[in-house]
């Protein structure tokens, strides 16, 4: 009986409609504008933040794909161009699955800005094994997802303040509820 019930086409496994959890376009605009302002005021502290937020927004990366781990270390050479001149990014994400992500023109511009800030060539070569998100103190890549979450949450918090100042109370309230996971 349990097997019959499990396979029944009439039993609904999910009750109700799931709540859609994502930021609106206006919220993302405010987050990105806020981060761009932060990078303009304190480039030594926030150019990396701007690149990080650009990667989250433009490539739909997860927090775990930004931080180095035993299974994955994001490096510059993971950005590469195919024989047609299209740019791609390789990452290893949830479930230890490797995936290739198309790199949009705005993301490519963010990569160029980040690399230029670091004193590197505008685009990486296949031999460039430098960390995509280096630590600000010490050497090597960021290894803590908690640290990345704190950076993203700081960006959200600053965008909330700006949304409120500009009269977007509902958008600000919704962004307050948002988690970094969204």
Protein backbone atom coordinates (compact mmCIF):
# COMPACT_ATOMS: atom_id res chain seq x y z
CA UNK A 1 0.00 0.00 0.00
CA UNK A 2 2.84 2.37 0.80
CA UNK A 3 4.39 1.77 -2.64
CA UNK A 4 1.05 2.35 -4.38
CA UNK A 5 0.51 5.60 -2.50
CA UNK A 6 4.05 6.73 -3.27
CA UNK A 7 3.51 6.33 -7.02
CA UNK A 8 -0.02 7.69 -7.09
CA UNK A 9 -0.55 10.49 -9.58
CA UNK A 10 -3.26 11.93 -7.36
CA UNK A 11 -1.18 12.56 -4.26
CA UNK A 12 0.32 16.04 -4.11
CA UNK A 13 3.78 15.99 -2.67
CA UNK A 14 4.02 19.75 -2.15
CA UNK A 15 1.20 21.62 -0.52
CA UNK A 16 0.71 25.25 -1.54
CA UNK A 17 2.90 27.23 -3.88
CA UNK A 18 6.53 27.78 -2.94
CA UNK A 19 7.55 31.32 -2.05
CA UNK A 20 9.79 32.76 -4.74
CA UNK A 21 12.94 34.03 -3.12
CA UNK A 22 14.94 36.37 -5.28
CA UNK A 23 15.86 39.99 -5.42
CA UNK A 24 13.93 42.32 -7.69
CA UNK A 25 15.69 44.17 -10.50
CA UNK A 26 15.39 47.43 -8.51
CA UNK A 27 16.96 45.81 -5.44
CA UNK A 28 19.87 44.48 -7.54
CA UNK A 29 20.32 47.90 -9.13
CA UNK A 30 20.58 49.48 -5.69
CA UNK A 31 22.96 46.79 -4.44
CA UNK A 32 25.24 47.17 -7.46
CA UNK A 33 25.11 50.99 -7.43
CA UNK A 34 25.92 50.94 -3.72
CA UNK A 35 28.88 48.61 -4.26
CA UNK A 36 30.17 50.73 -7.14
CA UNK A 37 30.09 53.75 -4.83
CA UNK A 38 31.93 51.79 -2.14
CA UNK A 39 34.63 50.82 -4.67
CA UNK A 40 34.99 54.43 -5.81
CA UNK A 41 35.45 55.70 -2.26
CA UNK A 42 37.65 52.87 -0.91
CA UNK A 43 39.10 50.91 -3.83
CA UNK A 44 41.63 49.06 -1.68
CA UNK A 45 38.81 47.63 0.39
CA UNK A 46 35.94 47.33 -2.09
CA UNK A 47 37.20 46.61 -5.64
CA UNK A 48 37.16 42.93 -4.67
CA UNK A 49 33.66 43.41 -3.22
CA UNK A 50 32.49 44.89 -6.51
CA UNK A 51 33.91 41.98 -8.50
CA UNK A 52 32.41 39.50 -6.04
CA UNK A 53 28.94 41.03 -6.29
CA UNK A 54 29.25 41.21 -10.08
CA UNK A 55 30.02 37.48 -10.16
CA UNK A 56 27.04 36.69 -7.95
CA UNK A 57 24.71 38.84 -10.04
CA UNK A 58 25.95 38.22 -13.58
CA UNK A 59 26.88 34.54 -13.33
CA UNK A 60 24.43 33.34 -10.65
CA UNK A 61 27.25 31.92 -8.58
CA UNK A 62 26.69 30.51 -5.13
CA UNK A 63 28.63 31.71 -2.10
CA UNK A 64 30.37 28.33 -1.95
CA UNK A 65 31.67 28.87 -5.50
CA UNK A 66 33.45 32.08 -4.49
CA UNK A 67 35.43 30.64 -1.59
CA UNK A 68 38.20 28.09 -1.95
CA UNK A 69 37.67 24.67 -0.44
CA UNK A 70 39.28 21.24 -0.48
CA UNK A 71 37.33 20.42 -3.65
CA UNK A 72 37.63 23.76 -5.50
CA UNK A 73 39.90 26.79 -5.68
CA UNK A 74 38.55 29.55 -7.95
CA UNK A 75 41.43 30.87 -10.05
CA UNK A 76 41.79 33.41 -12.86
CA UNK A 77 42.33 30.76 -15.54
CA UNK A 78 38.82 29.44 -14.90
CA UNK A 79 37.78 32.33 -17.16
CA UNK A 80 38.62 31.29 -20.71
CA UNK A 81 37.78 32.08 -24.31
CA UNK A 82 36.61 29.45 -26.79
CA UNK A 83 37.66 29.27 -30.46
CA UNK A 84 34.78 31.61 -31.39
CA UNK A 85 35.88 34.30 -28.95
CA UNK A 86 33.11 33.68 -26.40
CA UNK A 87 34.12 33.79 -22.75
CA UNK A 88 33.22 31.09 -20.24
CA UNK A 89 33.76 30.47 -16.55
CA UNK A 90 34.25 26.99 -15.10
CA UNK A 91 33.23 26.31 -11.52
CA UNK A 92 32.56 23.36 -9.26
CA UNK A 93 29.40 23.85 -7.27
CA UNK A 94 26.71 22.11 -5.34
CA UNK A 95 27.01 18.34 -5.42
CA UNK A 96 30.64 18.65 -6.53
CA UNK A 97 29.41 19.20 -10.10
CA UNK A 98 31.51 21.03 -12.64
CA UNK A 99 29.71 23.54 -14.83
CA UNK A 100 30.54 26.07 -17.51
CA UNK A 101 28.86 29.47 -17.33
CA UNK A 102 28.63 31.90 -20.24
CA UNK A 103 30.29 35.21 -19.35
CA UNK A 104 28.23 38.25 -20.35
CA UNK A 105 29.77 41.50 -21.58
CA UNK A 106 29.08 43.29 -18.25
CA UNK A 107 30.77 40.43 -16.37
CA UNK A 108 33.72 40.53 -18.75
CA UNK A 109 34.00 44.28 -18.09
CA UNK A 110 33.95 43.58 -14.33
CA UNK A 111 36.71 40.99 -14.77
CA UNK A 112 38.82 43.46 -16.74
CA UNK A 113 38.30 46.15 -14.11
CA UNK A 114 39.25 43.74 -11.30
CA UNK A 115 42.36 42.43 -13.05
CA UNK A 116 43.49 45.96 -13.99
CA UNK A 117 43.09 46.99 -10.35
CA UNK A 118 45.28 44.01 -9.35
CA UNK A 119 47.95 45.15 -11.83
CA UNK A 120 47.37 42.19 -14.16
CA UNK A 121 46.60 42.06 -17.87
CA UNK A 122 42.97 42.84 -18.71
CA UNK A 123 42.13 39.20 -19.46
CA UNK A 124 43.57 36.01 -17.98
CA UNK A 125 45.57 33.39 -19.82
CA UNK A 126 45.20 29.65 -19.32
CA UNK A 127 48.43 29.75 -17.29
CA UNK A 128 47.15 32.35 -14.78
CA UNK A 129 46.71 30.39 -11.56
CA UNK A 130 46.29 33.42 -9.29
CA UNK A 131 43.36 33.44 -6.88
CA UNK A 132 40.13 34.88 -8.22
CA UNK A 133 39.29 36.29 -4.78
CA UNK A 134 42.54 36.78 -2.87
CA UNK A 135 42.65 37.53 0.83
CA UNK A 136 43.26 41.16 1.76
CA UNK A 137 45.64 40.09 4.52
CA UNK A 138 47.97 37.22 3.85
CA UNK A 139 48.34 35.13 0.74
CA UNK A 140 46.07 32.80 -1.11
CA UNK A 141 42.35 32.71 -1.84
CA UNK A 142 39.46 33.46 0.50
CA UNK A 143 38.55 30.16 2.14
CA UNK A 144 35.68 31.20 4.41
CA UNK A 145 32.10 31.26 3.12
CA UNK A 146 31.19 33.04 6.36
CA UNK A 147 33.50 35.90 5.39
CA UNK A 148 31.95 36.08 1.91
CA UNK A 149 28.46 36.08 3.44
CA UNK A 150 29.44 38.98 5.70
CA UNK A 151 30.65 40.99 2.69
CA UNK A 152 27.42 40.34 0.78
CA UNK A 153 25.27 41.14 3.83
CA UNK A 154 27.13 44.44 4.28
CA UNK A 155 26.28 45.32 0.66
CA UNK A 156 22.62 44.43 1.26
CA UNK A 157 22.51 46.51 4.45
CA UNK A 158 23.94 49.57 2.70
CA UNK A 159 21.52 49.16 -0.22
CA UNK A 160 18.61 48.95 2.26
CA UNK A 161 19.59 52.31 3.72
CA UNK A 162 19.74 53.85 0.24
CA UNK A 163 16.38 52.33 -0.78
CA UNK A 164 14.76 53.84 2.33
CA UNK A 165 16.33 57.24 1.68
CA UNK A 166 14.92 57.19 -1.85
CA UNK A 167 11.42 56.29 -0.64
CA UNK A 168 11.34 52.61 -1.64
CA UNK A 169 10.17 51.34 1.76
CA UNK A 170 8.57 48.15 0.44
CA UNK A 171 11.65 47.19 -1.58
CA UNK A 172 13.84 47.96 1.45
CA UNK A 173 11.62 45.82 3.68
CA UNK A 174 11.79 42.95 1.24
CA UNK A 175 15.59 43.24 1.04
CA UNK A 176 15.77 43.14 4.85
CA UNK A 177 14.09 39.72 4.70
CA UNK A 178 16.47 38.49 2.00
CA UNK A 179 19.24 36.15 2.93
CA UNK A 180 22.58 35.84 1.21
CA UNK A 181 21.41 32.45 -0.08
CA UNK A 182 18.80 34.15 -2.29
